[in-house]
Each structure stands twice: as structure tokens, then as C-alpha cells.
Amino acid sequence: MAEDTSQPDTDASNVADVSEKSTVGATSNAGTADAEKNAQVEDAKARVLAAKEAIAAKPSVAPSGAAAPPKAPVKKKEEGPKPTDASAHPLVAKLKNSFGDAVLEATEFLGQLSVRVSPNQIVQACTALRDDSETPFNYLSDLTCVHYPQRLEAPFDVVYNLYSIPANTRVRLKVAVDADPGIESVTGVWPSANWMEREVFDLFGVKFINHPDLRRLLLPPDWSGYPLRKDYALEFVENAWTAQHLPEMTAVQREQLEQRRGYGLELLSVPQERMMREIFHSGKEVMPKDK
């Protein structure tokens, strides 16, 4: 009977030991978490203090009345290459021996030779360059024009870009002319100049004397004005051609026009042209203009 009464006491003591251990473990875990939080707070305070010290260490801004320290001198940009005199060039010497004062100027820029020739000798100079024995310029690579409105007497430069296929050499001829009477055509020297001269006539208005078929190439025959001149308007232009070919249209007329165009009719008066005209009439700018 004694053994039976002692067993419950032993069990009660074991339960008390387990509860005491769990209480001590929980207390130690809580203390560890608090220590970690305190360490994080102290670390954050240290970072804030370091930031404040760094800001205080920066030099203060000088007052507005104080003179600022001098800036370092700006290095000037090196100037690029400039045209040089090419009077001593062998090709220029040949032209001067043949045409004398008709060769007005010769310059060279980045290996490109340019010779300015008198207008009344352009055909003869081109023929001499084409028939030259050493460097025959047998190919007219381009014929174009440049407009200089400030030059009143001869505001246009007709430019001939020549190429010698056998010698692999290039030369540029320039001639200062007025639009009327213009300049002699070189179609007799290079037949390929035909359409090039027509294009210059169409867009610049420079006439080419003795041209076999001098008429507009890109614009309608009854167009007034020359679009590549620098004094030409950059915006929509009302002239006789627009009044004739772009009349105001109603919605019904626009539909009829589209139907006729389905059969290949009304090639000049297209709806897109009328739409552009309406946009300009409303005062809108389709693209920014240089001002």
C-alpha cells in the first residue's frame, strides 16, 4: 500500500520540472529577440549619425557676392581643313595653257579638285577634258546647280562633276550664270547631260542654249515657279495650276473622282492633293519650317 501512495508524488514532481524548464527557455528566447532588435536600432542610429557628419563636413556654399573660383580654360576646337589654291595642279595648268583667262579659279579640298570656268568657254573646256590623252573625262557623273540669291549678277552656279574611268580621277567644273539667257548646253559633249539639264531647268529655271528638248522634267508643263530656288515658298502655293487642277470639291464630287480614277482617269487631280490643300487652307503646319 505504501508503494501505491508514493507514485503520484513522483509524477507531480516530474511535471513541475518540465514546466519550469519551458518557462526558462521561453524567457531566454525573448531576451535574445530583444537583444537583436536593440542591435538593429543602434545600427540605424549609427548610420544616421554618420550621414549627418558627412553633410556637416561638406564645404558651405559661397555667398552670392563672393567671387567664384576661376574655371579651367576651355580648349579651342581645332579648325577643320580649308580649301587650298590648286593653280599648280597639272590638270589646271593644261586648262590654263588652252584657255588662259577663261580659267578663273582652282581650289582643292580634301583631294577634290574644283575649277571655275568662264561661261562662254564651258563647252570648249568640257570637250578638252573629255578628249585629254592622259586623263580623258569620258563620264559626266552629275550636273547640278546651286542658288546664291545674294549674287545679283550671276546668282546660279552650274556644277559639272566629271569622272575619268581610265585614270580613276575626278574634277568639278563650276560656272556662274544668270537664269536668262542661261548657259550653253553640253549635250553635244556628253549625251547623258540631256535629262540632267532638263532637271536643272525644271527646278532652278536656268536655261540651256541649244538643248535638243528643253522642257520640264518633274513638274507639270504649266507650273509656275522653280521649287529649288532659295527664295521659293516652303509652304503650299496657290497659282494657276492649283486653281485649274485642284478646284474645291464637294463630297459627291470627291466620290466621283475616286470612281473615275479607278478607270485610270484624272491622273493629276488626286484626292490626296486636295486633302493637303485643305490642311494648308486651315492654317495647320504639316512640318516645321526653318525660321
C-alpha atoms as a PDB file:
ATOM      1  CA  MET A   1       0.000   0.000   0.000  1.00  0.00           C
ATOM      2  CA  ALA A   2       2.917   2.361   0.612  1.00  0.00           C
ATOM      3  CA  GLU A   3       4.184   1.977  -2.915  1.00  0.00           C
ATOM      4  CA  ASP A   4       0.813   2.911  -4.324  1.00  0.00           C
ATOM      5  CA  THR A   5       0.670   6.217  -2.408  1.00  0.00           C
ATOM      6  CA  SER A   6       4.256   7.341  -3.390  1.00  0.00           C
ATOM      7  CA  GLN A   7       3.832   7.007  -7.150  1.00  0.00           C
ATOM      8  CA  PRO A   8       1.577  10.063  -7.677  1.00  0.00           C
ATOM      9  CA  ASP A   9       4.021  12.283  -5.819  1.00  0.00           C
ATOM     10  CA  THR A  10       6.844  11.344  -8.195  1.00  0.00           C
ATOM     11  CA  ASP A  11       4.750  12.118 -11.250  1.00  0.00           C
ATOM     12  CA  ALA A  12       3.806  15.537  -9.875  1.00  0.00           C
ATOM     13  CA  SER A  13       7.428  16.451  -9.357  1.00  0.00           C
ATOM     14  CA  ASN A  14       8.307  15.486 -12.934  1.00  0.00           C
ATOM     15  CA  VAL A  15       5.537  17.682 -14.307  1.00  0.00           C
ATOM     16  CA  ALA A  16       6.764  20.614 -12.233  1.00  0.00           C
ATOM     17  CA  ASP A  17      10.323  20.203 -13.554  1.00  0.00           C
ATOM     18  CA  VAL A  18       9.138  20.192 -17.184  1.00  0.00           C
ATOM     19  CA  SER A  19       7.043  23.353 -16.710  1.00  0.00           C
ATOM     20  CA  GLU A  20       9.943  25.137 -15.050  1.00  0.00           C
ATOM     21  CA  LYS A  21      12.311  24.277 -17.918  1.00  0.00           C
ATOM     22  CA  SER A  22       9.829  25.511 -20.554  1.00  0.00           C
ATOM     23  CA  THR A  23       9.402  28.759 -18.688  1.00  0.00           C
ATOM     24  CA  VAL A  24      13.170  29.336 -18.556  1.00  0.00           C
ATOM     25  CA  GLY A  25      13.503  28.540 -22.333  1.00  0.00           C
ATOM     26  CA  ALA A  26      10.795  30.999 -23.266  1.00  0.00           C
ATOM     27  CA  THR A  27      12.392  33.686 -21.131  1.00  0.00           C
ATOM     28  CA  SER A  28      15.807  33.137 -22.777  1.00  0.00           C
ATOM     29  CA  ASN A  29      14.301  33.262 -26.325  1.00  0.00           C
ATOM     30  CA  ALA A  30      12.542  36.545 -25.555  1.00  0.00           C
ATOM     31  CA  GLY A  31      15.764  38.014 -24.284  1.00  0.00           C
ATOM     32  CA  THR A  32      17.614  37.030 -27.478  1.00  0.00           C
ATOM     33  CA  ALA A  33      14.941  38.679 -29.716  1.00  0.00           C
ATOM     34  CA  ASP A  34      15.091  41.891 -27.692  1.00  0.00           C
ATOM     35  CA  ALA A  35      18.874  41.948 -27.997  1.00  0.00           C
ATOM     36  CA  GLU A  36      18.666  41.608 -31.804  1.00  0.00           C
ATOM     37  CA  LYS A  37      16.130  44.464 -32.027  1.00  0.00           C
ATOM     38  CA  ASN A  38      18.297  46.664 -29.857  1.00  0.00           C
ATOM     39  CA  ALA A  39      21.304  45.922 -32.058  1.00  0.00           C
ATOM     40  CA  GLN A  40      19.359  46.877 -35.208  1.00  0.00           C
ATOM     41  CA  VAL A  41      18.175  50.120 -33.615  1.00  0.00           C
ATOM     42  CA  GLU A  42      21.710  51.033 -32.589  1.00  0.00           C
ATOM     43  CA  ASP A  43      22.986  50.247 -36.095  1.00  0.00           C
ATOM     44  CA  ALA A  44      20.349  52.515 -37.663  1.00  0.00           C
ATOM     45  CA  LYS A  45      21.235  55.314 -35.265  1.00  0.00           C
ATOM     46  CA  ALA A  46      24.898  54.956 -36.157  1.00  0.00           C
ATOM     47  CA  ARG A  47      24.136  55.240 -39.890  1.00  0.00           C
ATOM     48  CA  VAL A  48      22.020  58.362 -39.367  1.00  0.00           C
ATOM     49  CA  LEU A  49      24.783  59.945 -37.281  1.00  0.00           C
ATOM     50  CA  ALA A  50      27.373  59.140 -39.942  1.00  0.00           C
ATOM     51  CA  ALA A  51      25.191  60.727 -42.640  1.00  0.00           C
ATOM     52  CA  LYS A  52      24.770  63.902 -40.585  1.00  0.00           C
ATOM     53  CA  GLU A  53      28.526  64.130 -40.009  1.00  0.00           C
ATOM     54  CA  ALA A  54      29.183  63.700 -43.762  1.00  0.00           C
ATOM     55  CA  ILE A  55      26.760  66.515 -44.591  1.00  0.00           C
ATOM     56  CA  ALA A  56      28.350  68.778 -41.985  1.00  0.00           C
ATOM     57  CA  ALA A  57      31.810  68.031 -43.375  1.00  0.00           C
ATOM     58  CA  LYS A  58      30.912  69.351 -46.897  1.00  0.00           C
ATOM     59  CA  PRO A  59      32.146  72.883 -47.682  1.00  0.00           C
ATOM     60  CA  SER A  60      29.484  75.531 -47.348  1.00  0.00           C
ATOM     61  CA  VAL A  61      28.245  77.337 -50.468  1.00  0.00           C
ATOM     62  CA  ALA A  62      29.914  80.660 -51.002  1.00  0.00           C
ATOM     63  CA  PRO A  63      27.661  83.717 -50.670  1.00  0.00           C
ATOM     64  CA  SER A  64      26.281  85.249 -53.819  1.00  0.00           C
ATOM     65  CA  GLY A  65      28.522  88.297 -53.531  1.00  0.00           C
ATOM     66  CA  ALA A  66      31.752  86.282 -53.227  1.00  0.00           C
ATOM     67  CA  ALA A  67      33.777  85.622 -56.354  1.00  0.00           C
ATOM     68  CA  ALA A  68      33.639  82.061 -57.640  1.00  0.00           C
ATOM     69  CA  PRO A  69      36.912  80.235 -58.273  1.00  0.00           C
ATOM     70  CA  PRO A  70      38.146  80.629 -61.872  1.00  0.00           C
ATOM     71  CA  LYS A  71      37.155  77.929 -64.311  1.00  0.00           C
ATOM     72  CA  ALA A  72      39.668  75.951 -66.286  1.00  0.00           C
ATOM     73  CA  PRO A  73      40.236  77.383 -69.750  1.00  0.00           C
ATOM     74  CA  VAL A  74      38.187  75.748 -72.477  1.00  0.00           C
ATOM     75  CA  LYS A  75      40.302  74.141 -75.128  1.00  0.00           C
ATOM     76  CA  LYS A  76      39.504  75.592 -78.519  1.00  0.00           C
ATOM     77  CA  LYS A  77      38.248  73.184 -81.094  1.00  0.00           C
ATOM     78  CA  GLU A  78      40.764  72.532 -83.787  1.00  0.00           C
ATOM     79  CA  GLU A  79      39.770  74.050 -87.110  1.00  0.00           C
ATOM     80  CA  GLY A  80      38.971  71.654 -89.900  1.00  0.00           C
ATOM     81  CA  PRO A  81      40.594  71.574 -93.302  1.00  0.00           C
ATOM     82  CA  LYS A  82      40.109  74.506 -95.648  1.00  0.00           C
ATOM     83  CA  PRO A  83      40.236  74.774 -99.436  1.00  0.00           C
ATOM     84  CA  THR A  84      43.701  75.420-100.814  1.00  0.00           C
ATOM     85  CA  ASP A  85      44.877  77.015-104.030  1.00  0.00           C
ATOM     86  CA  ALA A  86      45.296  74.459-106.821  1.00  0.00           C
ATOM     87  CA  SER A  87      46.726  76.671-109.553  1.00  0.00           C
ATOM     88  CA  ALA A  88      49.797  74.435-109.793  1.00  0.00           C
ATOM     89  CA  HIS A  89      47.770  71.277-110.373  1.00  0.00           C
ATOM     90  CA  PRO A  90      48.788  69.588-113.679  1.00  0.00           C
ATOM     91  CA  LEU A  91      45.192  69.480-114.950  1.00  0.00           C
ATOM     92  CA  VAL A  92      44.659  73.152-114.123  1.00  0.00           C
ATOM     93  CA  ALA A  93      47.913  74.003-115.903  1.00  0.00           C
ATOM     94  CA  LYS A  94      46.624  72.245-119.033  1.00  0.00           C
ATOM     95  CA  LEU A  95      43.382  74.192-118.950  1.00  0.00           C
ATOM     96  CA  LYS A  96      45.195  77.490-118.445  1.00  0.00           C
ATOM     97  CA  ASN A  97      47.511  76.772-121.374  1.00  0.00           C
ATOM     98  CA  SER A  98      44.500  76.131-123.592  1.00  0.00           C
ATOM     99  CA  PHE A  99      42.003  78.728-122.342  1.00  0.00           C
ATOM    100  CA  GLY A 100      44.059  81.322-120.482  1.00  0.00           C
ATOM    101  CA  ASP A 101      41.915  83.777-118.525  1.00  0.00           C
ATOM    102  CA  ALA A 102      38.802  81.633-119.006  1.00  0.00           C
ATOM    103  CA  VAL A 103      40.049  79.566-116.043  1.00  0.00           C
ATOM    104  CA  LEU A 104      39.041  81.907-113.237  1.00  0.00           C
ATOM    105  CA  GLU A 105      39.879  79.928-110.093  1.00  0.00           C
ATOM    106  CA  ALA A 106      41.117  76.496-108.980  1.00  0.00           C
ATOM    107  CA  THR A 107      40.858  75.086-105.458  1.00  0.00           C
ATOM    108  CA  GLU A 108      41.389  71.705-103.828  1.00  0.00           C
ATOM    109  CA  PHE A 109      39.550  70.467-100.754  1.00  0.00           C
ATOM    110  CA  LEU A 110      40.109  67.013 -99.259  1.00  0.00           C
ATOM    111  CA  GLY A 111      41.580  65.804-102.514  1.00  0.00           C
ATOM    112  CA  GLN A 112      38.692  67.160-104.615  1.00  0.00           C
ATOM    113  CA  LEU A 113      39.699  69.500-107.418  1.00  0.00           C
ATOM    114  CA  SER A 114      37.306  72.307-108.376  1.00  0.00           C
ATOM    115  CA  VAL A 115      37.872  74.660-111.306  1.00  0.00           C
ATOM    116  CA  ARG A 116      35.772  77.743-112.022  1.00  0.00           C
ATOM    117  CA  VAL A 117      35.444  78.422-115.739  1.00  0.00           C
ATOM    118  CA  SER A 118      34.062  81.356-117.700  1.00  0.00           C
ATOM    119  CA  PRO A 119      30.538  80.658-119.047  1.00  0.00           C
ATOM    120  CA  ASN A 120      31.422  81.370-122.669  1.00  0.00           C
ATOM    121  CA  GLN A 121      34.105  78.637-122.656  1.00  0.00           C
ATOM    122  CA  ILE A 122      32.332  75.831-120.805  1.00  0.00           C
ATOM    123  CA  VAL A 123      31.649  73.668-123.874  1.00  0.00           C
ATOM    124  CA  GLN A 124      35.221  74.021-125.115  1.00  0.00           C
ATOM    125  CA  ALA A 125      36.631  73.207-121.660  1.00  0.00           C
ATOM    126  CA  CYS A 126      34.428  70.139-121.335  1.00  0.00           C
ATOM    127  CA  THR A 127      35.443  68.952-124.790  1.00  0.00           C
ATOM    128  CA  ALA A 128      39.124  69.386-123.953  1.00  0.00           C
ATOM    129  CA  LEU A 129      38.747  67.401-120.733  1.00  0.00           C
ATOM    130  CA  ARG A 130      36.823  64.652-122.489  1.00  0.00           C
ATOM    131  CA  ASP A 131      39.465  64.321-125.221  1.00  0.00           C
ATOM    132  CA  ASP A 132      42.510  64.630-122.953  1.00  0.00           C
ATOM    133  CA  SER A 133      45.038  61.889-123.755  1.00  0.00           C
ATOM    134  CA  GLU A 134      46.237  61.282-120.182  1.00  0.00           C
ATOM    135  CA  THR A 135      43.025  61.730-118.198  1.00  0.00           C
ATOM    136  CA  PRO A 136      40.031  61.504-120.537  1.00  0.00           C
ATOM    137  CA  PHE A 137      36.939  62.551-118.569  1.00  0.00           C
ATOM    138  CA  ASN A 138      34.554  60.371-120.523  1.00  0.00           C
ATOM    139  CA  TYR A 139      31.801  60.218-117.892  1.00  0.00           C
ATOM    140  CA  LEU A 140      29.553  63.042-116.718  1.00  0.00           C
ATOM    141  CA  SER A 141      28.600  61.680-113.302  1.00  0.00           C
ATOM    142  CA  ASP A 142      26.378  64.605-112.347  1.00  0.00           C
ATOM    143  CA  LEU A 143      25.206  68.030-113.453  1.00  0.00           C
ATOM    144  CA  THR A 144      23.521  70.140-110.810  1.00  0.00           C
ATOM    145  CA  CYS A 145      23.018  73.725-109.677  1.00  0.00           C
ATOM    146  CA  VAL A 146      23.319  75.922-106.568  1.00  0.00           C
ATOM    147  CA  HIS A 147      21.384  79.127-105.960  1.00  0.00           C
ATOM    148  CA  TYR A 148      23.051  82.161-104.312  1.00  0.00           C
ATOM    149  CA  PRO A 149      20.364  84.876-104.074  1.00  0.00           C
ATOM    150  CA  GLN A 150      22.842  87.450-102.732  1.00  0.00           C
ATOM    151  CA  ARG A 151      24.751  87.369-106.031  1.00  0.00           C
ATOM    152  CA  LEU A 152      22.652  89.639-108.190  1.00  0.00           C
ATOM    153  CA  GLU A 153      24.583  89.426-111.456  1.00  0.00           C
ATOM    154  CA  ALA A 154      25.060  85.641-111.573  1.00  0.00           C
ATOM    155  CA  PRO A 155      23.049  84.001-108.787  1.00  0.00           C
ATOM    156  CA  PHE A 156      23.421  80.412-110.043  1.00  0.00           C
ATOM    157  CA  ASP A 157      26.389  78.048-110.093  1.00  0.00           C
ATOM    158  CA  VAL A 158      26.016  75.266-112.640  1.00  0.00           C
ATOM    159  CA  VAL A 159      28.223  72.398-111.427  1.00  0.00           C
ATOM    160  CA  TYR A 160      29.665  69.656-113.646  1.00  0.00           C
ATOM    161  CA  ASN A 161      31.064  66.587-111.846  1.00  0.00           C
ATOM    162  CA  LEU A 162      33.330  64.729-114.256  1.00  0.00           C
ATOM    163  CA  TYR A 163      34.976  61.337-113.881  1.00  0.00           C
ATOM    164  CA  SER A 164      37.758  59.718-115.879  1.00  0.00           C
ATOM    165  CA  ILE A 165      37.140  55.981-115.941  1.00  0.00           C
ATOM    166  CA  PRO A 166      40.582  55.031-117.373  1.00  0.00           C
ATOM    167  CA  ALA A 167      42.519  57.296-114.960  1.00  0.00           C
ATOM    168  CA  ASN A 168      40.155  56.963-111.962  1.00  0.00           C
ATOM    169  CA  THR A 169      40.229  60.743-111.477  1.00  0.00           C
ATOM    170  CA  ARG A 170      37.549  63.310-110.722  1.00  0.00           C
ATOM    171  CA  VAL A 171      37.228  67.034-111.335  1.00  0.00           C
ATOM    172  CA  ARG A 172      34.461  69.547-110.700  1.00  0.00           C
ATOM    173  CA  LEU A 173      33.733  72.467-113.011  1.00  0.00           C
ATOM    174  CA  LYS A 174      31.749  75.477-111.800  1.00  0.00           C
ATOM    175  CA  VAL A 175      30.180  78.206-113.892  1.00  0.00           C
ATOM    176  CA  ALA A 176      28.408  81.296-112.501  1.00  0.00           C
ATOM    177  CA  VAL A 177      25.420  82.209-114.689  1.00  0.00           C
ATOM    178  CA  ASP A 178      22.106  84.008-114.703  1.00  0.00           C
ATOM    179  CA  ALA A 179      18.900  82.082-115.350  1.00  0.00           C
ATOM    180  CA  ASP A 180      18.263  84.029-118.534  1.00  0.00           C
ATOM    181  CA  PRO A 181      19.972  83.846-121.026  1.00  0.00           C
ATOM    182  CA  GLY A 182      21.498  80.813-119.241  1.00  0.00           C
ATOM    183  CA  ILE A 183      24.436  78.760-120.479  1.00  0.00           C
ATOM    184  CA  GLU A 184      25.396  76.641-123.463  1.00  0.00           C
ATOM    185  CA  SER A 185      24.261  73.008-123.337  1.00  0.00           C
ATOM    186  CA  VAL A 186      26.875  70.230-123.115  1.00  0.00           C
ATOM    187  CA  THR A 187      24.648  67.542-124.602  1.00  0.00           C
ATOM    188  CA  GLY A 188      26.957  67.556-127.629  1.00  0.00           C
ATOM    189  CA  VAL A 189      29.862  66.557-125.352  1.00  0.00           C
ATOM    190  CA  TRP A 190      28.012  64.057-123.135  1.00  0.00           C
ATOM    191  CA  PRO A 191      24.542  62.974-124.345  1.00  0.00           C
ATOM    192  CA  SER A 192      23.688  61.979-120.760  1.00  0.00           C
ATOM    193  CA  ALA A 193      23.501  65.701-119.912  1.00  0.00           C
ATOM    194  CA  ASN A 194      20.084  65.842-121.603  1.00  0.00           C
ATOM    195  CA  TRP A 195      17.898  64.937-118.637  1.00  0.00           C
ATOM    196  CA  MET A 196      20.283  66.494-116.103  1.00  0.00           C
ATOM    197  CA  GLU A 197      19.985  69.884-117.795  1.00  0.00           C
ATOM    198  CA  ARG A 198      16.226  69.456-118.029  1.00  0.00           C
ATOM    199  CA  GLU A 199      16.081  68.798-114.282  1.00  0.00           C
ATOM    200  CA  VAL A 200      18.116  71.949-113.541  1.00  0.00           C
ATOM    201  CA  PHE A 201      15.846  73.937-115.836  1.00  0.00           C
ATOM    202  CA  ASP A 202      12.747  72.461-114.187  1.00  0.00           C
ATOM    203  CA  LEU A 203      13.769  73.102-110.559  1.00  0.00           C
ATOM    204  CA  PHE A 204      16.049  76.167-110.878  1.00  0.00           C
ATOM    205  CA  GLY A 205      14.882  77.852-114.087  1.00  0.00           C
ATOM    206  CA  VAL A 206      18.349  78.031-115.678  1.00  0.00           C
ATOM    207  CA  LYS A 207      18.100  77.861-119.462  1.00  0.00           C
ATOM    208  CA  PHE A 208      20.473  75.757-121.564  1.00  0.00           C
ATOM    209  CA  ILE A 209      21.094  77.169-125.005  1.00  0.00           C
ATOM    210  CA  ASN A 210      20.908  74.715-127.942  1.00  0.00           C
ATOM    211  CA  HIS A 211      19.421  71.968-125.786  1.00  0.00           C
ATOM    212  CA  PRO A 212      17.566  69.472-128.034  1.00  0.00           C
ATOM    213  CA  ASP A 213      14.465  69.200-125.830  1.00  0.00           C
ATOM    214  CA  LEU A 214      14.429  71.799-123.058  1.00  0.00           C
ATOM    215  CA  ARG A 215      11.167  71.323-121.145  1.00  0.00           C
ATOM    216  CA  ARG A 216      10.133  70.468-117.609  1.00  0.00           C
ATOM    217  CA  LEU A 217      11.041  67.018-116.365  1.00  0.00           C
ATOM    218  CA  LEU A 218       9.361  66.575-112.960  1.00  0.00           C
ATOM    219  CA  LEU A 219       6.709  69.297-112.676  1.00  0.00           C
ATOM    220  CA  PRO A 220       3.692  69.880-114.924  1.00  0.00           C
ATOM    221  CA  PRO A 221       4.400  71.954-118.044  1.00  0.00           C
ATOM    222  CA  ASP A 222       2.143  74.802-116.889  1.00  0.00           C
ATOM    223  CA  TRP A 223       3.597  75.028-113.374  1.00  0.00           C
ATOM    224  CA  SER A 224       4.815  78.483-112.376  1.00  0.00           C
ATOM    225  CA  GLY A 225       7.954  78.839-110.250  1.00  0.00           C
ATOM    226  CA  TYR A 226      11.117  76.848-109.560  1.00  0.00           C
ATOM    227  CA  PRO A 227      10.996  74.921-106.258  1.00  0.00           C
ATOM    228  CA  LEU A 228      14.749  74.541-105.587  1.00  0.00           C
ATOM    229  CA  ARG A 229      15.432  78.254-105.606  1.00  0.00           C
ATOM    230  CA  LYS A 230      16.124  79.527-102.106  1.00  0.00           C
ATOM    231  CA  ASP A 231      13.536  82.288-102.434  1.00  0.00           C
ATOM    232  CA  TYR A 232      10.772  79.781-103.248  1.00  0.00           C
ATOM    233  CA  ALA A 233       7.995  79.407-100.665  1.00  0.00           C
ATOM    234  CA  LEU A 234       8.278  76.447 -98.300  1.00  0.00           C
ATOM    235  CA  GLU A 235       4.534  76.088 -97.867  1.00  0.00           C
ATOM    236  CA  PHE A 236       1.556  75.421-100.089  1.00  0.00           C
ATOM    237  CA  VAL A 237       1.493  77.694-103.140  1.00  0.00           C
ATOM    238  CA  GLU A 238      -1.650  78.909-104.872  1.00  0.00           C
ATOM    239  CA  ASN A 239      -1.064  79.503-108.566  1.00  0.00           C
ATOM    240  CA  ALA A 240      -2.781  78.980-111.904  1.00  0.00           C
ATOM    241  CA  TRP A 241      -2.064  75.249-111.846  1.00  0.00           C
ATOM    242  CA  THR A 242      -3.661  74.658-108.442  1.00  0.00           C
ATOM    243  CA  ALA A 243      -6.663  76.762-109.416  1.00  0.00           C
ATOM    244  CA  GLN A 244      -7.162  74.712-112.571  1.00  0.00           C
ATOM    245  CA  HIS A 245      -6.390  71.209-111.343  1.00  0.00           C
ATOM    246  CA  LEU A 246      -7.370  71.430-107.656  1.00  0.00           C
ATOM    247  CA  PRO A 247     -10.801  73.114-107.557  1.00  0.00           C
ATOM    248  CA  GLU A 248     -12.899  72.989-104.419  1.00  0.00           C
ATOM    249  CA  MET A 249     -14.885  69.758-104.308  1.00  0.00           C
ATOM    250  CA  THR A 250     -17.982  68.522-102.542  1.00  0.00           C
ATOM    251  CA  ALA A 251     -18.259  65.049-101.037  1.00  0.00           C
ATOM    252  CA  VAL A 252     -20.180  63.841-104.104  1.00  0.00           C
ATOM    253  CA  GLN A 253     -17.552  65.203-106.478  1.00  0.00           C
ATOM    254  CA  ARG A 254     -14.807  63.560-104.419  1.00  0.00           C
ATOM    255  CA  GLU A 255     -16.555  60.196-104.696  1.00  0.00           C
ATOM    256  CA  GLN A 256     -16.983  60.676-108.458  1.00  0.00           C
ATOM    257  CA  LEU A 257     -13.300  61.495-108.760  1.00  0.00           C
ATOM    258  CA  GLU A 258     -12.309  58.305-106.967  1.00  0.00           C
ATOM    259  CA  GLN A 259     -14.544  56.317-109.285  1.00  0.00           C
ATOM    260  CA  ARG A 260     -13.009  57.909-112.382  1.00  0.00           C
ATOM    261  CA  ARG A 261      -9.530  57.213-111.051  1.00  0.00           C
ATOM    262  CA  GLY A 262     -10.471  53.547-110.865  1.00  0.00           C
ATOM    263  CA  TYR A 263     -10.551  53.637-114.674  1.00  0.00           C
ATOM    264  CA  GLY A 264      -7.200  55.474-114.950  1.00  0.00           C
ATOM    265  CA  LEU A 265      -8.684  58.943-115.417  1.00  0.00           C
ATOM    266  CA  GLU A 266      -7.922  62.224-113.618  1.00  0.00           C
ATOM    267  CA  LEU A 267      -4.269  61.369-113.081  1.00  0.00           C
ATOM    268  CA  LEU A 268      -3.244  64.842-111.952  1.00  0.00           C
ATOM    269  CA  SER A 269      -6.125  65.719-109.640  1.00  0.00           C
ATOM    270  CA  VAL A 270      -5.892  63.152-106.859  1.00  0.00           C
ATOM    271  CA  PRO A 271      -7.773  63.281-103.529  1.00  0.00           C
ATOM    272  CA  GLN A 272      -4.531  63.386-101.541  1.00  0.00           C
ATOM    273  CA  GLU A 273      -3.536  66.657-103.220  1.00  0.00           C
ATOM    274  CA  ARG A 274      -6.858  68.213-102.294  1.00  0.00           C
ATOM    275  CA  MET A 275      -6.508  66.987 -98.722  1.00  0.00           C
ATOM    276  CA  MET A 276      -3.125  68.706 -98.460  1.00  0.00           C
ATOM    277  CA  ARG A 277      -4.667  71.861 -99.866  1.00  0.00           C
ATOM    278  CA  GLU A 278      -7.433  71.811 -97.250  1.00  0.00           C
ATOM    279  CA  ILE A 279      -4.878  71.311 -94.474  1.00  0.00           C
ATOM    280  CA  PHE A 280      -2.886  74.340 -95.585  1.00  0.00           C
ATOM    281  CA  HIS A 281      -6.022  76.434 -96.027  1.00  0.00           C
ATOM    282  CA  SER A 282      -6.991  75.689 -92.426  1.00  0.00           C
ATOM    283  CA  GLY A 283      -3.708  77.173 -91.197  1.00  0.00           C
ATOM    284  CA  LYS A 284      -2.127  73.945 -89.946  1.00  0.00           C
ATOM    285  CA  GLU A 285       1.595  73.275 -90.400  1.00  0.00           C
ATOM    286  CA  VAL A 286       2.294  69.788 -91.681  1.00  0.00           C
ATOM    287  CA  MET A 287       6.008  70.051 -90.925  1.00  0.00           C
ATOM    288  CA  PRO A 288       8.070  72.676 -89.050  1.00  0.00           C
ATOM    289  CA  LYS A 289       9.697  75.331 -91.196  1.00  0.00           C
ATOM    290  CA  ASP A 290      13.112  76.876 -90.732  1.00  0.00           C
ATOM    291  CA  LYS A 291      12.675  80.392 -89.408  1.00  0.00           C
END
